[in-house]
């Protein structure tokens, strides 16, 4: 049970790290100037 719990927690941490990596990389690539709202071009770029 402890091993299963630790594995699940490790996988959660890896998932969160991956999300942060997506955010950093794709934000830098797609967002020219932050605004109150994303325009459709920026939204498409981030999605892709």
ModelCIF file with pLDDT and N, C-alpha, C, O atoms, coordinates in Angstrom:
data_MODEL
#
_entry.id   MODEL 
#
_entity.id                         1 
_entity.type                       polymer 
_entity.pdbx_number_of_molecules   1 
#
_entity_poly.entity_id                      1 
_entity_poly.type                           'polypeptide(L)' 
_entity_poly.nstd_linkage                   no 
_entity_poly.nstd_monomer                   no 
_entity_poly.pdbx_seq_one_letter_code       
;(UNK)(UNK)(UNK)(UNK)(UNK)(UNK)(UNK)(UNK)(UNK)(UNK)(UNK)(UNK)(UNK)(UNK)(UNK)(UNK)
(UNK)(UNK)(UNK)(UNK)(UNK)(UNK)(UNK)(UNK)(UNK)(UNK)(UNK)(UNK)(UNK)(UNK)(UNK)(UNK)
(UNK)(UNK)(UNK)(UNK)(UNK)(UNK)(UNK)(UNK)(UNK)(UNK)(UNK)(UNK)(UNK)(UNK)(UNK)(UNK)
;
_entity_poly.pdbx_seq_one_letter_code_can   XXXXXXXXXXXXXXXXXXXXXXXXXXXXXXXXXXXXXXXXXXXXXXXX 
_entity_poly.pdbx_strand_id                 A 
#
loop_
_entity_poly_seq.entity_id 
_entity_poly_seq.num 
_entity_poly_seq.mon_id 
_entity_poly_seq.hetero 
1 1  UNK n 
1 2  UNK n 
1 3  UNK n 
1 4  UNK n 
1 5  UNK n 
1 6  UNK n 
1 7  UNK n 
1 8  UNK n 
1 9  UNK n 
1 10 UNK n 
1 11 UNK n 
1 12 UNK n 
1 13 UNK n 
1 14 UNK n 
1 15 UNK n 
1 16 UNK n 
1 17 UNK n 
1 18 UNK n 
1 19 UNK n 
1 20 UNK n 
1 21 UNK n 
1 22 UNK n 
1 23 UNK n 
1 24 UNK n 
1 25 UNK n 
1 26 UNK n 
1 27 UNK n 
1 28 UNK n 
1 29 UNK n 
1 30 UNK n 
1 31 UNK n 
1 32 UNK n 
1 33 UNK n 
1 34 UNK n 
1 35 UNK n 
1 36 UNK n 
1 37 UNK n 
1 38 UNK n 
1 39 UNK n 
1 40 UNK n 
1 41 UNK n 
1 42 UNK n 
1 43 UNK n 
1 44 UNK n 
1 45 UNK n 
1 46 UNK n 
1 47 UNK n 
1 48 UNK n 
#
_struct_asym.id          A 
_struct_asym.entity_id   1 
#
loop_
_ma_qa_metric.id 
_ma_qa_metric.mode 
_ma_qa_metric.name 
_ma_qa_metric.software_group_id 
_ma_qa_metric.type 
1 global pLDDT . pLDDT 
2 local  pLDDT . pLDDT 
#
_ma_qa_metric_global.metric_id      1 
_ma_qa_metric_global.metric_value   89.56 
_ma_qa_metric_global.model_id       1 
_ma_qa_metric_global.ordinal_id     1 
#
loop_
_ma_qa_metric_local.label_asym_id 
_ma_qa_metric_local.label_comp_id 
_ma_qa_metric_local.label_seq_id 
_ma_qa_metric_local.metric_id 
_ma_qa_metric_local.metric_value 
_ma_qa_metric_local.model_id 
_ma_qa_metric_local.ordinal_id 
A UNK 1  2 89.00 1 1  
A UNK 2  2 91.00 1 2  
A UNK 3  2 91.00 1 3  
A UNK 4  2 89.00 1 4  
A UNK 5  2 91.00 1 5  
A UNK 6  2 92.00 1 6  
A UNK 7  2 90.00 1 7  
A UNK 8  2 89.00 1 8  
A UNK 9  2 93.00 1 9  
A UNK 10 2 92.00 1 10 
A UNK 11 2 88.00 1 11 
A UNK 12 2 89.00 1 12 
A UNK 13 2 92.00 1 13 
A UNK 14 2 87.00 1 14 
A UNK 15 2 84.00 1 15 
A UNK 16 2 87.00 1 16 
A UNK 17 2 89.00 1 17 
A UNK 18 2 83.00 1 18 
A UNK 19 2 83.00 1 19 
A UNK 20 2 87.00 1 20 
A UNK 21 2 86.00 1 21 
A UNK 22 2 81.00 1 22 
A UNK 23 2 84.00 1 23 
A UNK 24 2 90.00 1 24 
A UNK 25 2 89.00 1 25 
A UNK 26 2 91.00 1 26 
A UNK 27 2 90.00 1 27 
A UNK 28 2 92.00 1 28 
A UNK 29 2 92.00 1 29 
A UNK 30 2 93.00 1 30 
A UNK 31 2 91.00 1 31 
A UNK 32 2 87.00 1 32 
A UNK 33 2 85.00 1 33 
A UNK 34 2 84.00 1 34 
A UNK 35 2 85.00 1 35 
A UNK 36 2 90.00 1 36 
A UNK 37 2 91.00 1 37 
A UNK 38 2 88.00 1 38 
A UNK 39 2 91.00 1 39 
A UNK 40 2 94.00 1 40 
A UNK 41 2 94.00 1 41 
A UNK 42 2 93.00 1 42 
A UNK 43 2 92.00 1 43 
A UNK 44 2 96.00 1 44 
A UNK 45 2 95.00 1 45 
A UNK 46 2 91.00 1 46 
A UNK 47 2 93.00 1 47 
A UNK 48 2 95.00 1 48 
#
loop_
_atom_site.group_PDB 
_atom_site.id 
_atom_site.type_symbol 
_atom_site.label_atom_id 
_atom_site.label_alt_id 
_atom_site.label_comp_id 
_atom_site.label_asym_id 
_atom_site.label_entity_id 
_atom_site.label_seq_id 
_atom_site.pdbx_PDB_ins_code 
_atom_site.Cartn_x 
_atom_site.Cartn_y 
_atom_site.Cartn_z 
_atom_site.occupancy 
_atom_site.B_iso_or_equiv 
_atom_site.pdbx_formal_charge 
_atom_site.auth_seq_id 
_atom_site.auth_comp_id 
_atom_site.auth_asym_id 
_atom_site.auth_atom_id 
_atom_site.pdbx_PDB_model_num 
ATOM 1   N N  . UNK A 1 1  ? 0.830  -1.203 0.000   1.00 89.00 ? 1  UNK A N  1 
ATOM 2   C CA . UNK A 1 1  ? 0.000  0.000  0.000   1.00 89.00 ? 1  UNK A CA 1 
ATOM 3   C C  . UNK A 1 1  ? 0.865  1.254  0.000   1.00 89.00 ? 1  UNK A C  1 
ATOM 4   O O  . UNK A 1 1  ? 0.562  2.221  -0.699  1.00 89.00 ? 1  UNK A O  1 
ATOM 5   N N  . UNK A 1 2  ? 1.935  1.240  0.779   1.00 91.00 ? 2  UNK A N  1 
ATOM 6   C CA . UNK A 1 2  ? 2.837  2.385  0.829   1.00 91.00 ? 2  UNK A CA 1 
ATOM 7   C C  . UNK A 1 2  ? 3.500  2.593  -0.525  1.00 91.00 ? 2  UNK A C  1 
ATOM 8   O O  . UNK A 1 2  ? 3.592  3.725  -1.000  1.00 91.00 ? 2  UNK A O  1 
ATOM 9   N N  . UNK A 1 3  ? 3.960  1.522  -1.151  1.00 91.00 ? 3  UNK A N  1 
ATOM 10  C CA . UNK A 1 3  ? 4.594  1.621  -2.472  1.00 91.00 ? 3  UNK A CA 1 
ATOM 11  C C  . UNK A 1 3  ? 3.601  2.156  -3.498  1.00 91.00 ? 3  UNK A C  1 
ATOM 12  O O  . UNK A 1 3  ? 3.950  3.006  -4.317  1.00 91.00 ? 3  UNK A O  1 
ATOM 13  N N  . UNK A 1 4  ? 2.373  1.664  -3.458  1.00 89.00 ? 4  UNK A N  1 
ATOM 14  C CA . UNK A 1 4  ? 1.340  2.142  -4.385  1.00 89.00 ? 4  UNK A CA 1 
ATOM 15  C C  . UNK A 1 4  ? 1.067  3.634  -4.171  1.00 89.00 ? 4  UNK A C  1 
ATOM 16  O O  . UNK A 1 4  ? 0.942  4.399  -5.128  1.00 89.00 ? 4  UNK A O  1 
ATOM 17  N N  . UNK A 1 5  ? 0.977  4.031  -2.896  1.00 91.00 ? 5  UNK A N  1 
ATOM 18  C CA . UNK A 1 5  ? 0.733  5.436  -2.573  1.00 91.00 ? 5  UNK A CA 1 
ATOM 19  C C  . UNK A 1 5  ? 1.883  6.309  -3.076  1.00 91.00 ? 5  UNK A C  1 
ATOM 20  O O  . UNK A 1 5  ? 1.658  7.349  -3.696  1.00 91.00 ? 5  UNK A O  1 
ATOM 21  N N  . UNK A 1 6  ? 3.124  5.876  -2.800  1.00 92.00 ? 6  UNK A N  1 
ATOM 22  C CA . UNK A 1 6  ? 4.284  6.649  -3.228  1.00 92.00 ? 6  UNK A CA 1 
ATOM 23  C C  . UNK A 1 6  ? 4.362  6.747  -4.749  1.00 92.00 ? 6  UNK A C  1 
ATOM 24  O O  . UNK A 1 6  ? 4.705  7.801  -5.285  1.00 92.00 ? 6  UNK A O  1 
ATOM 25  N N  . UNK A 1 7  ? 4.048  5.664  -5.443  1.00 90.00 ? 7  UNK A N  1 
ATOM 26  C CA . UNK A 1 7  ? 4.043  5.687  -6.905  1.00 90.00 ? 7  UNK A CA 1 
ATOM 27  C C  . UNK A 1 7  ? 2.987  6.662  -7.425  1.00 90.00 ? 7  UNK A C  1 
ATOM 28  O O  . UNK A 1 7  ? 3.248  7.429  -8.352  1.00 90.00 ? 7  UNK A O  1 
ATOM 29  N N  . UNK A 1 8  ? 1.794  6.632  -6.826  1.00 89.00 ? 8  UNK A N  1 
ATOM 30  C CA . UNK A 1 8  ? 0.724  7.548  -7.246  1.00 89.00 ? 8  UNK A CA 1 
ATOM 31  C C  . UNK A 1 8  ? 1.140  8.999  -7.007  1.00 89.00 ? 8  UNK A C  1 
ATOM 32  O O  . UNK A 1 8  ? 0.893  9.861  -7.852  1.00 89.00 ? 8  UNK A O  1 
ATOM 33  N N  . UNK A 1 9  ? 1.763  9.273  -5.874  1.00 93.00 ? 9  UNK A N  1 
ATOM 34  C CA . UNK A 1 9  ? 2.207  10.635 -5.579  1.00 93.00 ? 9  UNK A CA 1 
ATOM 35  C C  . UNK A 1 9  ? 3.311  11.081 -6.540  1.00 93.00 ? 9  UNK A C  1 
ATOM 36  O O  . UNK A 1 9  ? 3.348  12.236 -6.964  1.00 93.00 ? 9  UNK A O  1 
ATOM 37  N N  . UNK A 1 10 ? 4.209  10.153 -6.878  1.00 92.00 ? 10 UNK A N  1 
ATOM 38  C CA . UNK A 1 10 ? 5.276  10.478 -7.835  1.00 92.00 ? 10 UNK A CA 1 
ATOM 39  C C  . UNK A 1 10 ? 4.672  10.799 -9.203  1.00 92.00 ? 10 UNK A C  1 
ATOM 40  O O  . UNK A 1 10 ? 5.094  11.747 -9.865  1.00 92.00 ? 10 UNK A O  1 
ATOM 41  N N  . UNK A 1 11 ? 3.687  10.008 -9.622  1.00 88.00 ? 11 UNK A N  1 
ATOM 42  C CA . UNK A 1 11 ? 3.034  10.248 -10.901 1.00 88.00 ? 11 UNK A CA 1 
ATOM 43  C C  . UNK A 1 11 ? 2.298  11.584 -10.906 1.00 88.00 ? 11 UNK A C  1 
ATOM 44  O O  . UNK A 1 11 ? 2.310  12.289 -11.915 1.00 88.00 ? 11 UNK A O  1 
ATOM 45  N N  . UNK A 1 12 ? 1.656  11.943 -9.790  1.00 89.00 ? 12 UNK A N  1 
ATOM 46  C CA . UNK A 1 12 ? 0.989  13.243 -9.693  1.00 89.00 ? 12 UNK A CA 1 
ATOM 47  C C  . UNK A 1 12 ? 2.003  14.372 -9.829  1.00 89.00 ? 12 UNK A C  1 
ATOM 48  O O  . UNK A 1 12 ? 1.771  15.350 -10.540 1.00 89.00 ? 12 UNK A O  1 
ATOM 49  N N  . UNK A 1 13 ? 3.131  14.223 -9.139  1.00 92.00 ? 13 UNK A N  1 
ATOM 50  C CA . UNK A 1 13 ? 4.170  15.262 -9.199  1.00 92.00 ? 13 UNK A CA 1 
ATOM 51  C C  . UNK A 1 13 ? 4.711  15.401 -10.622 1.00 92.00 ? 13 UNK A C  1 
ATOM 52  O O  . UNK A 1 13 ? 4.936  16.514 -11.097 1.00 92.00 ? 13 UNK A O  1 
ATOM 53  N N  . UNK A 1 14 ? 4.918  14.270 -11.303 1.00 87.00 ? 14 UNK A N  1 
ATOM 54  C CA . UNK A 1 14 ? 5.407  14.313 -12.683 1.00 87.00 ? 14 UNK A CA 1 
ATOM 55  C C  . UNK A 1 14 ? 4.373  14.976 -13.598 1.00 87.00 ? 14 UNK A C  1 
ATOM 56  O O  . UNK A 1 14 ? 4.729  15.746 -14.490 1.00 87.00 ? 14 UNK A O  1 
ATOM 57  N N  . UNK A 1 15 ? 3.109  14.676 -13.374 1.00 84.00 ? 15 UNK A N  1 
ATOM 58  C CA . UNK A 1 15 ? 2.036  15.279 -14.163 1.00 84.00 ? 15 UNK A CA 1 
ATOM 59  C C  . UNK A 1 15 ? 2.022  16.793 -13.972 1.00 84.00 ? 15 UNK A C  1 
ATOM 60  O O  . UNK A 1 15 ? 1.934  17.543 -14.944 1.00 84.00 ? 15 UNK A O  1 
ATOM 61  N N  . UNK A 1 16 ? 2.109  17.240 -12.720 1.00 87.00 ? 16 UNK A N  1 
ATOM 62  C CA . UNK A 1 16 ? 2.109  18.680 -12.439 1.00 87.00 ? 16 UNK A CA 1 
ATOM 63  C C  . UNK A 1 16 ? 3.341  19.357 -13.044 1.00 87.00 ? 16 UNK A C  1 
ATOM 64  O O  . UNK A 1 16 ? 3.249  20.467 -13.569 1.00 87.00 ? 16 UNK A O  1 
ATOM 65  N N  . UNK A 1 17 ? 4.482  18.690 -12.969 1.00 89.00 ? 17 UNK A N  1 
ATOM 66  C CA . UNK A 1 17 ? 5.698  19.257 -13.565 1.00 89.00 ? 17 UNK A CA 1 
ATOM 67  C C  . UNK A 1 17 ? 5.534  19.388 -15.080 1.00 89.00 ? 17 UNK A C  1 
ATOM 68  O O  . UNK A 1 17 ? 5.981  20.372 -15.669 1.00 89.00 ? 17 UNK A O  1 
ATOM 69  N N  . UNK A 1 18 ? 4.899  18.406 -15.706 1.00 83.00 ? 18 UNK A N  1 
ATOM 70  C CA . UNK A 1 18 ? 4.668  18.443 -17.152 1.00 83.00 ? 18 UNK A CA 1 
ATOM 71  C C  . UNK A 1 18 ? 3.745  19.606 -17.510 1.00 83.00 ? 18 UNK A C  1 
ATOM 72  O O  . UNK A 1 18 ? 3.977  20.301 -18.499 1.00 83.00 ? 18 UNK A O  1 
ATOM 73  N N  . UNK A 1 19 ? 2.710  19.818 -16.718 1.00 83.00 ? 19 UNK A N  1 
ATOM 74  C CA . UNK A 1 19 ? 1.787  20.932 -16.959 1.00 83.00 ? 19 UNK A CA 1 
ATOM 75  C C  . UNK A 1 19 ? 2.527  22.261 -16.882 1.00 83.00 ? 19 UNK A C  1 
ATOM 76  O O  . UNK A 1 19 ? 2.323  23.140 -17.720 1.00 83.00 ? 19 UNK A O  1 
ATOM 77  N N  . UNK A 1 20 ? 3.388  22.408 -15.874 1.00 87.00 ? 20 UNK A N  1 
ATOM 78  C CA . UNK A 1 20 ? 4.157  23.647 -15.752 1.00 87.00 ? 20 UNK A CA 1 
ATOM 79  C C  . UNK A 1 20 ? 5.099  23.831 -16.937 1.00 87.00 ? 20 UNK A C  1 
ATOM 80  O O  . UNK A 1 20 ? 5.302  24.948 -17.413 1.00 87.00 ? 20 UNK A O  1 
ATOM 81  N N  . UNK A 1 21 ? 5.667  22.732 -17.403 1.00 86.00 ? 21 UNK A N  1 
ATOM 82  C CA . UNK A 1 21 ? 6.557  22.808 -18.564 1.00 86.00 ? 21 UNK A CA 1 
ATOM 83  C C  . UNK A 1 21 ? 5.778  23.254 -19.801 1.00 86.00 ? 21 UNK A C  1 
ATOM 84  O O  . UNK A 1 21 ? 6.252  24.097 -20.564 1.00 86.00 ? 21 UNK A O  1 
ATOM 85  N N  . UNK A 1 22 ? 4.562  22.681 -20.005 1.00 81.00 ? 22 UNK A N  1 
ATOM 86  C CA . UNK A 1 22 ? 3.702  23.122 -21.112 1.00 81.00 ? 22 UNK A CA 1 
ATOM 87  C C  . UNK A 1 22 ? 3.444  24.614 -21.011 1.00 81.00 ? 22 UNK A C  1 
ATOM 88  O O  . UNK A 1 22 ? 3.615  25.358 -21.976 1.00 81.00 ? 22 UNK A O  1 
ATOM 89  N N  . UNK A 1 23 ? 3.031  25.037 -19.824 1.00 84.00 ? 23 UNK A N  1 
ATOM 90  C CA . UNK A 1 23 ? 2.696  26.452 -19.615 1.00 84.00 ? 23 UNK A CA 1 
ATOM 91  C C  . UNK A 1 23 ? 3.869  27.355 -19.972 1.00 84.00 ? 23 UNK A C  1 
ATOM 92  O O  . UNK A 1 23 ? 3.712  28.316 -20.725 1.00 84.00 ? 23 UNK A O  1 
ATOM 93  N N  . UNK A 1 24 ? 5.031  27.047 -19.437 1.00 90.00 ? 24 UNK A N  1 
ATOM 94  C CA . UNK A 1 24 ? 6.206  27.893 -19.671 1.00 90.00 ? 24 UNK A CA 1 
ATOM 95  C C  . UNK A 1 24 ? 6.570  27.942 -21.148 1.00 90.00 ? 24 UNK A C  1 
ATOM 96  O O  . UNK A 1 24 ? 6.722  29.020 -21.723 1.00 90.00 ? 24 UNK A O  1 
ATOM 97  N N  . UNK A 1 25 ? 6.707  26.773 -21.757 1.00 89.00 ? 25 UNK A N  1 
ATOM 98  C CA . UNK A 1 25 ? 7.138  26.697 -23.144 1.00 89.00 ? 25 UNK A CA 1 
ATOM 99  C C  . UNK A 1 25 ? 6.124  27.365 -24.068 1.00 89.00 ? 25 UNK A C  1 
ATOM 100 O O  . UNK A 1 25 ? 6.484  28.212 -24.886 1.00 89.00 ? 25 UNK A O  1 
ATOM 101 N N  . UNK A 1 26 ? 4.867  26.985 -23.938 1.00 91.00 ? 26 UNK A N  1 
ATOM 102 C CA . UNK A 1 26 ? 3.849  27.473 -24.864 1.00 91.00 ? 26 UNK A CA 1 
ATOM 103 C C  . UNK A 1 26 ? 3.514  28.941 -24.615 1.00 91.00 ? 26 UNK A C  1 
ATOM 104 O O  . UNK A 1 26 ? 3.187  29.660 -25.559 1.00 91.00 ? 26 UNK A O  1 
ATOM 105 N N  . UNK A 1 27 ? 3.586  29.393 -23.383 1.00 90.00 ? 27 UNK A N  1 
ATOM 106 C CA . UNK A 1 27 ? 3.369  30.820 -23.094 1.00 90.00 ? 27 UNK A CA 1 
ATOM 107 C C  . UNK A 1 27 ? 4.430  31.652 -23.797 1.00 90.00 ? 27 UNK A C  1 
ATOM 108 O O  . UNK A 1 27 ? 4.125  32.627 -24.484 1.00 90.00 ? 27 UNK A O  1 
ATOM 109 N N  . UNK A 1 28 ? 5.695  31.244 -23.611 1.00 92.00 ? 28 UNK A N  1 
ATOM 110 C CA . UNK A 1 28 ? 6.791  31.995 -24.236 1.00 92.00 ? 28 UNK A CA 1 
ATOM 111 C C  . UNK A 1 28 ? 6.675  31.986 -25.756 1.00 92.00 ? 28 UNK A C  1 
ATOM 112 O O  . UNK A 1 28 ? 6.985  32.983 -26.408 1.00 92.00 ? 28 UNK A O  1 
ATOM 113 N N  . UNK A 1 29 ? 6.234  30.877 -26.319 1.00 92.00 ? 29 UNK A N  1 
ATOM 114 C CA . UNK A 1 29 ? 6.136  30.742 -27.770 1.00 92.00 ? 29 UNK A CA 1 
ATOM 115 C C  . UNK A 1 29 ? 4.946  31.515 -28.345 1.00 92.00 ? 29 UNK A C  1 
ATOM 116 O O  . UNK A 1 29 ? 5.044  32.056 -29.446 1.00 92.00 ? 29 UNK A O  1 
ATOM 117 N N  . UNK A 1 30 ? 3.837  31.577 -27.627 1.00 93.00 ? 30 UNK A N  1 
ATOM 118 C CA . UNK A 1 30 ? 2.588  32.048 -28.224 1.00 93.00 ? 30 UNK A CA 1 
ATOM 119 C C  . UNK A 1 30 ? 2.090  33.422 -27.759 1.00 93.00 ? 30 UNK A C  1 
ATOM 120 O O  . UNK A 1 30 ? 1.359  34.090 -28.490 1.00 93.00 ? 30 UNK A O  1 
ATOM 121 N N  . UNK A 1 31 ? 2.468  33.837 -26.588 1.00 91.00 ? 31 UNK A N  1 
ATOM 122 C CA . UNK A 1 31 ? 1.887  35.064 -26.043 1.00 91.00 ? 31 UNK A CA 1 
ATOM 123 C C  . UNK A 1 31 ? 2.865  36.223 -26.228 1.00 91.00 ? 31 UNK A C  1 
ATOM 124 O O  . UNK A 1 31 ? 3.926  36.271 -25.605 1.00 91.00 ? 31 UNK A O  1 
ATOM 125 N N  . UNK A 1 32 ? 2.476  37.159 -27.107 1.00 87.00 ? 32 UNK A N  1 
ATOM 126 C CA . UNK A 1 32 ? 3.312  38.330 -27.367 1.00 87.00 ? 32 UNK A CA 1 
ATOM 127 C C  . UNK A 1 32 ? 3.190  39.343 -26.235 1.00 87.00 ? 32 UNK A C  1 
ATOM 128 O O  . UNK A 1 32 ? 4.182  39.760 -25.638 1.00 87.00 ? 32 UNK A O  1 
ATOM 129 N N  . UNK A 1 33 ? 1.963  39.723 -25.960 1.00 85.00 ? 33 UNK A N  1 
ATOM 130 C CA . UNK A 1 33 ? 1.725  40.687 -24.885 1.00 85.00 ? 33 UNK A CA 1 
ATOM 131 C C  . UNK A 1 33 ? 0.459  40.262 -24.134 1.00 85.00 ? 33 UNK A C  1 
ATOM 132 O O  . UNK A 1 33 ? -0.623 40.180 -24.716 1.00 85.00 ? 33 UNK A O  1 
ATOM 133 N N  . UNK A 1 34 ? 0.612  39.995 -22.840 1.00 84.00 ? 34 UNK A N  1 
ATOM 134 C CA . UNK A 1 34 ? -0.551 39.569 -22.053 1.00 84.00 ? 34 UNK A CA 1 
ATOM 135 C C  . UNK A 1 34 ? -1.622 40.660 -22.022 1.00 84.00 ? 34 UNK A C  1 
ATOM 136 O O  . UNK A 1 34 ? -1.314 41.849 -21.938 1.00 84.00 ? 34 UNK A O  1 
ATOM 137 N N  . UNK A 1 35 ? -2.845 40.246 -22.089 1.00 85.00 ? 35 UNK A N  1 
ATOM 138 C CA . UNK A 1 35 ? -3.970 41.167 -22.014 1.00 85.00 ? 35 UNK A CA 1 
ATOM 139 C C  . UNK A 1 35 ? -5.043 40.585 -21.114 1.00 85.00 ? 35 UNK A C  1 
ATOM 140 O O  . UNK A 1 35 ? -4.838 39.563 -20.460 1.00 85.00 ? 35 UNK A O  1 
ATOM 141 N N  . UNK A 1 36 ? -6.174 41.238 -21.090 1.00 90.00 ? 36 UNK A N  1 
ATOM 142 C CA . UNK A 1 36 ? -7.277 40.778 -20.260 1.00 90.00 ? 36 UNK A CA 1 
ATOM 143 C C  . UNK A 1 36 ? -7.877 39.479 -20.812 1.00 90.00 ? 36 UNK A C  1 
ATOM 144 O O  . UNK A 1 36 ? -8.526 38.725 -20.086 1.00 90.00 ? 36 UNK A O  1 
ATOM 145 N N  . UNK A 1 37 ? -7.652 39.235 -22.099 1.00 91.00 ? 37 UNK A N  1 
ATOM 146 C CA . UNK A 1 37 ? -8.279 38.097 -22.769 1.00 91.00 ? 37 UNK A CA 1 
ATOM 147 C C  . UNK A 1 37 ? -7.348 37.612 -23.884 1.00 91.00 ? 37 UNK A C  1 
ATOM 148 O O  . UNK A 1 37 ? -6.623 38.406 -24.484 1.00 91.00 ? 37 UNK A O  1 
ATOM 149 N N  . UNK A 1 38 ? -7.374 36.302 -24.156 1.00 88.00 ? 38 UNK A N  1 
ATOM 150 C CA . UNK A 1 38 ? -6.561 35.771 -25.259 1.00 88.00 ? 38 UNK A CA 1 
ATOM 151 C C  . UNK A 1 38 ? -7.294 35.982 -26.576 1.00 88.00 ? 38 UNK A C  1 
ATOM 152 O O  . UNK A 1 38 ? -8.499 35.750 -26.671 1.00 88.00 ? 38 UNK A O  1 
ATOM 153 N N  . UNK A 1 39 ? -6.556 36.423 -27.594 1.00 91.00 ? 39 UNK A N  1 
ATOM 154 C CA . UNK A 1 39 ? -7.194 36.507 -28.913 1.00 91.00 ? 39 UNK A CA 1 
ATOM 155 C C  . UNK A 1 39 ? -7.203 35.113 -29.529 1.00 91.00 ? 39 UNK A C  1 
ATOM 156 O O  . UNK A 1 39 ? -6.547 34.202 -29.023 1.00 91.00 ? 39 UNK A O  1 
ATOM 157 N N  . UNK A 1 40 ? -7.938 34.949 -30.610 1.00 94.00 ? 40 UNK A N  1 
ATOM 158 C CA . UNK A 1 40 ? -8.116 33.610 -31.200 1.00 94.00 ? 40 UNK A CA 1 
ATOM 159 C C  . UNK A 1 40 ? -6.796 33.039 -31.723 1.00 94.00 ? 40 UNK A C  1 
ATOM 160 O O  . UNK A 1 40 ? -6.572 31.832 -31.644 1.00 94.00 ? 40 UNK A O  1 
ATOM 161 N N  . UNK A 1 41 ? -5.929 33.891 -32.253 1.00 94.00 ? 41 UNK A N  1 
ATOM 162 C CA . UNK A 1 41 ? -4.632 33.419 -32.758 1.00 94.00 ? 41 UNK A CA 1 
ATOM 163 C C  . UNK A 1 41 ? -3.792 32.862 -31.613 1.00 94.00 ? 41 UNK A C  1 
ATOM 164 O O  . UNK A 1 41 ? -3.187 31.798 -31.745 1.00 94.00 ? 41 UNK A O  1 
ATOM 165 N N  . UNK A 1 42 ? -3.753 33.573 -30.499 1.00 93.00 ? 42 UNK A N  1 
ATOM 166 C CA . UNK A 1 42 ? -2.971 33.126 -29.348 1.00 93.00 ? 42 UNK A CA 1 
ATOM 167 C C  . UNK A 1 42 ? -3.554 31.841 -28.772 1.00 93.00 ? 42 UNK A C  1 
ATOM 168 O O  . UNK A 1 42 ? -2.820 30.918 -28.420 1.00 93.00 ? 42 UNK A O  1 
ATOM 169 N N  . UNK A 1 43 ? -4.868 31.791 -28.681 1.00 92.00 ? 43 UNK A N  1 
ATOM 170 C CA . UNK A 1 43 ? -5.530 30.587 -28.155 1.00 92.00 ? 43 UNK A CA 1 
ATOM 171 C C  . UNK A 1 43 ? -5.237 29.378 -29.031 1.00 92.00 ? 43 UNK A C  1 
ATOM 172 O O  . UNK A 1 43 ? -4.956 28.296 -28.515 1.00 92.00 ? 43 UNK A O  1 
ATOM 173 N N  . UNK A 1 44 ? -5.299 29.546 -30.348 1.00 96.00 ? 44 UNK A N  1 
ATOM 174 C CA . UNK A 1 44 ? -4.982 28.452 -31.279 1.00 96.00 ? 44 UNK A CA 1 
ATOM 175 C C  . UNK A 1 44 ? -3.530 28.017 -31.144 1.00 96.00 ? 44 UNK A C  1 
ATOM 176 O O  . UNK A 1 44 ? -3.222 26.825 -31.149 1.00 96.00 ? 44 UNK A O  1 
ATOM 177 N N  . UNK A 1 45 ? -2.644 28.998 -31.023 1.00 95.00 ? 45 UNK A N  1 
ATOM 178 C CA . UNK A 1 45 ? -1.224 28.696 -30.885 1.00 95.00 ? 45 UNK A CA 1 
ATOM 179 C C  . UNK A 1 45 ? -0.970 27.869 -29.623 1.00 95.00 ? 45 UNK A C  1 
ATOM 180 O O  . UNK A 1 45 ? -0.243 26.876 -29.659 1.00 95.00 ? 45 UNK A O  1 
ATOM 181 N N  . UNK A 1 46 ? -1.576 28.286 -28.505 1.00 91.00 ? 46 UNK A N  1 
ATOM 182 C CA . UNK A 1 46 ? -1.376 27.568 -27.247 1.00 91.00 ? 46 UNK A CA 1 
ATOM 183 C C  . UNK A 1 46 ? -1.948 26.156 -27.351 1.00 91.00 ? 46 UNK A C  1 
ATOM 184 O O  . UNK A 1 46 ? -1.312 25.196 -26.915 1.00 91.00 ? 46 UNK A O  1 
ATOM 185 N N  . UNK A 1 47 ? -3.132 26.025 -27.919 1.00 93.00 ? 47 UNK A N  1 
ATOM 186 C CA . UNK A 1 47 ? -3.758 24.704 -28.088 1.00 93.00 ? 47 UNK A CA 1 
ATOM 187 C C  . UNK A 1 47 ? -2.869 23.788 -28.928 1.00 93.00 ? 47 UNK A C  1 
ATOM 188 O O  . UNK A 1 47 ? -2.592 22.655 -28.534 1.00 93.00 ? 47 UNK A O  1 
ATOM 189 N N  . UNK A 1 48 ? -2.427 24.275 -30.074 1.00 95.00 ? 48 UNK A N  1 
ATOM 190 C CA . UNK A 1 48 ? -1.569 23.476 -30.956 1.00 95.00 ? 48 UNK A CA 1 
ATOM 191 C C  . UNK A 1 48 ? -0.239 23.145 -30.287 1.00 95.00 ? 48 UNK A C  1 
ATOM 192 O O  . UNK A 1 48 ? 0.605  22.479 -30.886 1.00 95.00 ? 48 UNK A O  1 
#
